[in-house]
């Protein structure tokens, strides 16, 4: 990648400097040059030890200026000519390329560093030290989005997301598997969950409408600094996994909105089975038909309001009351009582959890 950066700068400078200019690496191989025929050559004419110093030196009609951040530089600029102007050109180009390489290396290391934190590949004690080396602002809030690709075409979802968030100083994007892409996004302090979900929706909608790629997006909780990014990532993972069980119709799931589903997901299946047996002593939940379960769902959605639920279901109020009485007779739970409704709601979620048989991580 450095060679491509060098060639880009050399190409831009070749019209301003009416001389052959280029860059050699520590093996004296030409890696960038205004004369394209010289790229890749490793000739005795270029066999100079660029690691000796950062000083300017002359060899066979060319002026060289080594550069790099290490004690032993990895590269040297060469400019055609041995006069003072050639030395000035070499020094100016060396400064430019050194700055560009430093910028690139810092960005690359930052992205790689963030990825290693996410995957728990960095010792906790090293995170703070490396963060200071890479000039991470400890007061910046960030959040992790985990984009799971469900269906795709030949378009790279990774490239699309990179184009959506081009500022590599603030946002970090990388793949952790063939179908999973991580976005670590810089955010404002105190940002609302709805705003994060809106951002995730924009990613999903762009991929779906323009590139026919269907994705699910899990959202972790915002964290400050970089130490807790691994936690935000695990929360995004958890959001996706729990969402697959309890919110199958949703493709944007936030950890903050998982609620009691998160607790149920962690329960042993034997405990869940025991709970269902204790709740439904009079009759199994499986005795309820589809219409009855649909009625219960609408009743919960309308906050246990009989009149509002009957209006939404387009049935007479007495019809709904009859159905609720039928549920009480079958299960022993009166959904018009708040405590009974809570128990029934949890029981439905536990049943759904057992039916899904999720793979935990």
Protein backbone atom coordinates (compact mmCIF):
# COMPACT_ATOMS: atom_id res chain seq x y z
CA UNK A 1 0.00 0.00 0.00
CA UNK A 2 2.88 2.40 0.76
CA UNK A 3 4.20 1.91 -2.78
CA UNK A 4 0.86 2.96 -4.23
CA UNK A 5 0.85 6.06 -2.02
CA UNK A 6 4.38 6.94 -3.09
CA UNK A 7 3.57 6.48 -6.77
CA UNK A 8 0.54 8.74 -6.44
CA UNK A 9 2.65 11.57 -5.00
CA UNK A 10 5.45 11.07 -7.53
CA UNK A 11 2.93 11.14 -10.36
CA UNK A 12 1.54 14.45 -9.11
CA UNK A 13 5.03 15.96 -8.76
CA UNK A 14 6.49 14.86 -12.08
CA UNK A 15 5.06 17.84 -13.98
CA UNK A 16 6.32 20.32 -11.39
CA UNK A 17 9.81 18.79 -11.31
CA UNK A 18 11.26 18.36 -14.76
CA UNK A 19 13.52 15.50 -13.68
CA UNK A 20 13.28 11.79 -13.04
CA UNK A 21 12.16 11.29 -9.45
CA UNK A 22 11.32 8.15 -7.52
CA UNK A 23 11.61 6.03 -4.38
CA UNK A 24 13.69 2.95 -3.56
CA UNK A 25 13.16 0.57 -0.65
CA UNK A 26 15.72 -0.98 1.69
CA UNK A 27 16.53 -3.60 -0.96
CA UNK A 28 17.40 -0.87 -3.48
CA UNK A 29 14.34 -1.76 -5.57
CA UNK A 30 12.56 1.10 -7.32
CA UNK A 31 9.02 1.08 -5.88
CA UNK A 32 7.80 4.35 -7.40
CA UNK A 33 9.12 6.50 -10.22
CA UNK A 34 8.09 9.20 -12.69
CA UNK A 35 9.75 7.01 -15.34
CA UNK A 36 7.47 3.98 -15.18
CA UNK A 37 10.03 1.76 -16.93
CA UNK A 38 12.29 1.92 -13.87
CA UNK A 39 9.67 0.61 -11.39
CA UNK A 40 10.66 -2.80 -10.11
CA UNK A 41 14.27 -2.54 -11.26
CA UNK A 42 17.07 -3.46 -8.92
CA UNK A 43 20.21 -2.32 -10.61
CA UNK A 44 23.76 -1.84 -9.37
CA UNK A 45 23.24 1.84 -10.14
CA UNK A 46 20.73 1.91 -7.29
CA UNK A 47 22.63 -0.33 -4.89
CA UNK A 48 23.08 2.16 -2.06
CA UNK A 49 22.76 1.57 1.65
CA UNK A 50 19.84 3.80 2.58
CA UNK A 51 20.05 2.66 6.19
CA UNK A 52 23.27 4.49 6.95
CA UNK A 53 21.71 7.86 7.77
CA UNK A 54 19.06 10.41 6.91
CA UNK A 55 21.59 12.58 5.09
CA UNK A 56 21.54 13.43 1.40
CA UNK A 57 24.05 11.59 -0.75
CA UNK A 58 24.93 11.26 -4.41
CA UNK A 59 25.40 8.17 -6.53
CA UNK A 60 25.91 7.84 -10.27
CA UNK A 61 24.18 11.05 -11.31
CA UNK A 62 21.31 10.85 -8.81
CA UNK A 63 20.78 12.58 -5.47
CA UNK A 64 19.30 10.41 -2.68
CA UNK A 65 17.54 11.36 0.53
CA UNK A 66 16.51 8.60 2.92
CA UNK A 67 13.39 8.92 5.08
CA UNK A 68 11.27 7.01 7.56
CA UNK A 69 10.34 6.92 11.22
CA UNK A 70 12.79 4.22 12.24
CA UNK A 71 16.40 4.62 13.23
CA UNK A 72 17.30 2.76 10.04
CA UNK A 73 15.15 4.30 7.28
CA UNK A 74 13.24 1.92 5.02
CA UNK A 75 13.09 4.17 1.94
CA UNK A 76 14.99 6.82 0.03
CA UNK A 77 13.93 9.41 -2.53
CA UNK A 78 16.09 9.82 -5.63
CA UNK A 79 16.15 12.81 -7.95
CA UNK A 80 17.99 13.05 -11.27
CA UNK A 81 20.97 15.40 -10.97
CA UNK A 82 23.70 16.19 -8.45
CA UNK A 83 23.24 19.96 -8.04
CA UNK A 84 21.85 21.90 -5.09
CA UNK A 85 18.40 22.01 -6.67
CA UNK A 86 18.30 18.22 -6.87
CA UNK A 87 19.20 18.05 -3.17
CA UNK A 88 16.39 20.48 -2.31
CA UNK A 89 13.91 18.52 -4.41
CA UNK A 90 14.98 15.29 -2.71
CA UNK A 91 14.58 16.81 0.77
CA UNK A 92 11.14 18.27 0.02
CA UNK A 93 9.84 15.03 -1.49
CA UNK A 94 11.29 12.99 1.39
CA UNK A 95 9.46 15.17 3.93
CA UNK A 96 6.20 14.84 1.99
CA UNK A 97 6.42 11.08 1.62
CA UNK A 98 7.48 10.58 5.22
CA UNK A 99 4.43 12.49 6.42
CA UNK A 100 2.11 10.54 4.14
CA UNK A 101 3.55 7.21 5.23
CA UNK A 102 3.29 8.16 8.89
CA UNK A 103 -0.34 9.15 8.39
CA UNK A 104 -1.14 5.91 6.59
CA UNK A 105 0.66 3.73 9.11
CA UNK A 106 -1.12 5.44 11.98
CA UNK A 107 -4.52 4.94 10.37
CA UNK A 108 -3.76 1.34 9.53
CA UNK A 109 -2.48 0.57 12.98
CA UNK A 110 -5.49 2.24 14.53
CA UNK A 111 -7.92 0.10 12.58
CA UNK A 112 -5.98 -3.04 13.36
CA UNK A 113 -5.71 -2.04 17.01
CA UNK A 114 -9.47 -1.53 17.29
CA UNK A 115 -10.09 -4.90 15.64
CA UNK A 116 -7.78 -6.63 18.12
CA UNK A 117 -9.56 -4.97 21.03
CA UNK A 118 -12.94 -6.11 19.70
CA UNK A 119 -11.70 -9.68 19.38
CA UNK A 120 -9.98 -9.66 22.82
CA UNK A 121 -6.54 -10.01 21.26
CA UNK A 122 -5.02 -7.19 23.32
CA UNK A 123 -4.09 -7.50 26.98
CA UNK A 124 -6.09 -5.05 29.13
CA UNK A 125 -2.88 -3.51 30.45
CA UNK A 126 -1.65 -2.78 26.92
CA UNK A 127 -4.80 -1.02 25.74
CA UNK A 128 -4.14 2.24 27.55
CA UNK A 129 -0.49 2.38 26.49
CA UNK A 130 -1.26 1.68 22.84
CA UNK A 131 -4.17 4.13 22.89
CA UNK A 132 -1.86 6.93 23.97
CA UNK A 133 0.68 5.97 21.31
CA UNK A 134 -2.02 6.17 18.62
CA UNK A 135 -3.45 9.39 20.09
CA UNK A 136 -6.91 8.05 20.86
CA UNK A 137 -9.03 10.60 22.68
CA UNK A 138 -10.12 9.00 25.95
CA UNK A 139 -13.20 11.24 26.15
CA UNK A 140 -14.70 10.23 22.80
CA UNK A 141 -17.85 8.10 22.83
CA UNK A 142 -18.13 5.24 20.36
CA UNK A 143 -20.58 2.43 19.70
CA UNK A 144 -20.27 -0.89 17.89
CA UNK A 145 -22.62 -1.91 15.09
CA UNK A 146 -22.49 -5.55 13.96
CA UNK A 147 -23.80 -6.01 10.42
CA UNK A 148 -24.73 -9.61 9.62
CA UNK A 149 -25.24 -10.31 5.91
CA UNK A 150 -28.25 -12.55 5.26
CA UNK A 151 -28.42 -12.44 1.45
CA UNK A 152 -26.16 -10.58 -0.97
CA UNK A 153 -25.07 -10.29 -4.57
CA UNK A 154 -21.75 -9.50 -6.18
CA UNK A 155 -21.60 -6.05 -4.56
CA UNK A 156 -19.32 -5.91 -1.50
CA UNK A 157 -21.29 -4.82 1.57
CA UNK A 158 -17.96 -3.94 3.18
CA UNK A 159 -17.17 -1.43 0.42
CA UNK A 160 -20.65 0.08 0.62
CA UNK A 161 -20.37 0.63 4.37
CA UNK A 162 -16.90 2.14 3.92
CA UNK A 163 -18.34 4.61 1.42
CA UNK A 164 -21.12 5.49 3.86
CA UNK A 165 -18.56 6.28 6.58
CA UNK A 166 -15.45 7.56 4.78
CA UNK A 167 -13.88 9.43 7.72
CA UNK A 168 -11.22 6.95 8.85
CA UNK A 169 -10.16 9.30 11.64
CA UNK A 170 -13.47 8.78 13.43
CA UNK A 171 -14.97 5.50 12.20
CA UNK A 172 -13.43 2.03 11.89
CA UNK A 173 -14.76 -0.70 9.64
CA UNK A 174 -13.50 -4.26 9.29
CA UNK A 175 -14.73 -7.78 8.60
CA UNK A 176 -14.54 -10.47 11.27
CA UNK A 177 -15.99 -13.25 9.12
CA UNK A 178 -17.38 -13.77 5.63
CA UNK A 179 -20.81 -12.48 6.65
CA UNK A 180 -20.07 -10.19 9.60
CA UNK A 181 -18.87 -6.59 9.35
CA UNK A 182 -18.08 -4.39 12.34
CA UNK A 183 -18.56 -0.63 12.35
CA UNK A 184 -17.08 1.26 15.31
CA UNK A 185 -18.75 4.66 15.08
CA UNK A 186 -17.80 7.86 16.86
CA UNK A 187 -20.91 9.44 18.38
CA UNK A 188 -22.00 12.40 20.47
CA UNK A 189 -22.15 11.99 24.23
CA UNK A 190 -25.62 11.12 25.45
CA UNK A 191 -26.94 10.06 22.03
CA UNK A 192 -30.38 8.49 22.09
CA UNK A 193 -30.91 4.83 21.23
CA UNK A 194 -33.46 5.86 18.60
CA UNK A 195 -30.77 7.85 16.78
CA UNK A 196 -28.49 4.81 16.75
CA UNK A 197 -31.33 2.68 15.39
CA UNK A 198 -32.00 5.32 12.74
CA UNK A 199 -28.34 5.16 11.68
CA UNK A 200 -28.50 1.35 11.55
CA UNK A 201 -31.69 1.62 9.50
CA UNK A 202 -29.94 3.85 6.98
CA UNK A 203 -27.22 1.20 6.54
CA UNK A 204 -29.79 -1.55 6.11
CA UNK A 205 -31.97 0.45 3.73
CA UNK A 206 -29.02 1.51 1.56
CA UNK A 207 -27.79 -2.06 1.20
CA UNK A 208 -31.30 -3.37 0.58
CA UNK A 209 -32.71 -0.77 -1.82
CA UNK A 210 -29.61 0.02 -3.86
CA UNK A 211 -27.60 -3.20 -3.73
CA UNK A 212 -30.22 -5.90 -2.99
CA UNK A 213 -28.30 -7.03 0.10
CA UNK A 214 -30.35 -8.00 3.14
CA UNK A 215 -28.72 -7.57 6.55
CA UNK A 216 -29.47 -7.69 10.25
CA UNK A 217 -27.81 -5.06 12.45
CA UNK A 218 -27.03 -5.45 16.14
CA UNK A 219 -26.24 -2.35 18.20
CA UNK A 220 -24.16 -2.34 21.39
CA UNK A 221 -24.26 0.35 24.05
CA UNK A 222 -22.16 3.52 23.72
CA UNK A 223 -18.82 3.47 25.55
CA UNK A 224 -16.23 6.14 26.27
CA UNK A 225 -12.63 5.57 25.20
CA UNK A 226 -11.51 2.26 23.71
CA UNK A 227 -11.21 -0.12 26.67
CA UNK A 228 -14.90 -1.03 26.67
CA UNK A 229 -15.30 -1.48 22.91
CA UNK A 230 -15.07 -5.26 23.34
CA UNK A 231 -18.09 -5.07 25.66
CA UNK A 232 -20.07 -3.00 23.15
CA UNK A 233 -19.20 -5.56 20.46
CA UNK A 234 -20.39 -8.48 22.61
CA UNK A 235 -23.60 -6.57 23.29
CA UNK A 236 -24.13 -6.12 19.55
CA UNK A 237 -23.58 -9.88 19.14
CA UNK A 238 -26.05 -10.57 21.92
CA UNK A 239 -28.60 -8.21 20.34
CA UNK A 240 -28.47 -10.16 17.08
CA UNK A 241 -28.69 -13.56 18.77
CA UNK A 242 -31.56 -12.60 21.07
CA UNK A 243 -33.30 -10.82 18.21
CA UNK A 244 -33.27 -14.04 16.18
CA UNK A 245 -35.27 -15.69 18.97
CA UNK A 246 -37.68 -13.03 20.20
CA UNK A 247 -37.85 -10.37 17.45
CA UNK A 248 -37.67 -12.39 14.26
CA UNK A 249 -39.56 -9.71 12.32
CA UNK A 250 -36.98 -7.03 13.19
CA UNK A 251 -33.65 -6.62 11.43
CA UNK A 252 -32.42 -3.76 13.65
CA UNK A 253 -31.94 -4.83 17.27
CA UNK A 254 -30.45 -2.70 20.02
CA UNK A 255 -28.99 -4.22 23.18
CA UNK A 256 -30.65 -1.48 25.25
CA UNK A 257 -34.08 -2.58 24.02
CA UNK A 258 -33.75 -6.31 24.69
CA UNK A 259 -35.40 -5.98 28.09
CA UNK A 260 -36.45 -9.20 29.77
CA UNK A 261 -35.59 -11.21 26.65
CA UNK A 262 -31.92 -10.85 27.60
CA UNK A 263 -32.58 -12.47 30.98
CA UNK A 264 -34.60 -15.33 29.52
CA UNK A 265 -31.88 -16.01 26.96
CA UNK A 266 -29.44 -16.74 29.78
CA UNK A 267 -31.72 -19.14 31.65
CA UNK A 268 -31.06 -22.91 31.56
CA UNK A 269 -33.64 -24.75 29.45
CA UNK A 270 -34.51 -27.08 32.34
CA UNK A 271 -35.46 -24.08 34.48
CA UNK A 272 -37.58 -22.70 31.64
CA UNK A 273 -39.43 -25.99 31.24
CA UNK A 274 -40.11 -26.13 34.98
CA UNK A 275 -41.43 -22.57 34.91
CA UNK A 276 -43.92 -23.38 32.13
CA UNK A 277 -45.20 -26.44 33.97
CA UNK A 278 -45.74 -24.42 37.15
CA UNK A 279 -47.48 -21.55 35.38
CA UNK A 280 -49.83 -23.70 33.33
CA UNK A 281 -50.94 -26.23 35.95
CA UNK A 282 -54.53 -26.27 34.71
CA UNK A 283 -53.69 -26.69 31.03
CA UNK A 284 -50.84 -26.44 28.57
CA UNK A 285 -50.18 -23.27 26.63
CA UNK A 286 -50.28 -25.47 23.55
CA UNK A 287 -54.03 -25.84 24.05
CA UNK A 288 -54.49 -22.24 22.86
CA UNK A 289 -55.31 -21.95 19.17
CA UNK A 290 -53.83 -19.43 16.73
CA UNK A 291 -56.77 -17.02 16.99
CA UNK A 292 -56.54 -16.96 20.77
CA UNK A 293 -52.79 -16.33 20.71
CA UNK A 294 -53.30 -13.51 18.20
CA UNK A 295 -55.91 -11.98 20.49
CA UNK A 296 -53.50 -12.18 23.43
CA UNK A 297 -50.76 -10.48 21.39
CA UNK A 298 -53.05 -7.59 20.46
CA UNK A 299 -54.26 -7.32 24.06
CA UNK A 300 -50.67 -6.88 25.24
CA UNK A 301 -49.91 -4.39 22.45
CA UNK A 302 -52.83 -2.25 23.61
CA UNK A 303 -51.72 -2.19 27.25
CA UNK A 304 -54.45 -4.58 28.49
CA UNK A 305 -57.16 -2.16 27.38
CA UNK A 306 -60.27 -4.19 26.49
CA UNK A 307 -62.08 -1.44 24.58
CA UNK A 308 -59.06 -0.44 22.50
CA UNK A 309 -58.16 -4.04 21.73
CA UNK A 310 -61.68 -4.93 20.60
CA UNK A 311 -61.68 -1.86 18.34
CA UNK A 312 -58.34 -2.87 16.78
CA UNK A 313 -59.53 -6.45 16.31
CA UNK A 314 -62.87 -5.27 14.86
CA UNK A 315 -64.83 -7.40 17.31
CA UNK A 316 -67.48 -6.55 19.88
CA UNK A 317 -66.23 -5.85 23.38
CA UNK A 318 -68.24 -8.77 24.75
CA UNK A 319 -66.58 -11.08 22.21
CA UNK A 320 -63.15 -10.11 23.51
CA UNK A 321 -64.31 -10.55 27.12
CA UNK A 322 -65.56 -14.03 26.19
CA UNK A 323 -62.15 -14.90 24.72
CA UNK A 324 -60.35 -13.64 27.83
CA UNK A 325 -62.65 -15.72 30.02
CA UNK A 326 -61.87 -18.72 27.84
CA UNK A 327 -58.13 -18.14 28.35
CA UNK A 328 -58.66 -17.90 32.11
CA UNK A 329 -60.60 -21.16 32.09
CA UNK A 330 -57.89 -22.97 30.10
CA UNK A 331 -54.82 -21.60 31.88
CA UNK A 332 -56.00 -20.24 35.20
CA UNK A 333 -54.60 -16.78 34.32
CA UNK A 334 -56.82 -13.70 33.97
CA UNK A 335 -55.01 -11.39 31.56
CA UNK A 336 -57.05 -8.41 32.78
CA UNK A 337 -55.06 -8.60 36.01
CA UNK A 338 -51.63 -7.05 35.66
CA UNK A 339 -49.73 -9.71 37.63
CA UNK A 340 -51.31 -12.52 35.62
CA UNK A 341 -50.60 -10.68 32.38
CA UNK A 342 -46.92 -10.30 33.29
CA UNK A 343 -46.61 -14.01 34.05
CA UNK A 344 -48.37 -14.94 30.82
CA UNK A 345 -46.17 -12.59 28.77
CA UNK A 346 -43.00 -14.09 30.23
CA UNK A 347 -44.37 -17.59 29.68
CA UNK A 348 -44.96 -16.85 25.99
CA UNK A 349 -41.38 -15.60 25.65
CA UNK A 350 -39.99 -18.63 27.46
CA UNK A 351 -41.97 -20.91 25.16
CA UNK A 352 -40.63 -19.08 22.13
CA UNK A 353 -37.11 -19.35 23.52
CA UNK A 354 -37.41 -23.12 24.00
CA UNK A 355 -38.83 -23.55 20.51
CA UNK A 356 -35.97 -21.61 18.92
CA UNK A 357 -33.18 -23.67 20.54
CA UNK A 358 -30.60 -20.89 20.03
CA UNK A 359 -26.88 -21.54 19.87
CA UNK A 360 -25.28 -19.49 22.65
CA UNK A 361 -21.81 -17.98 22.50
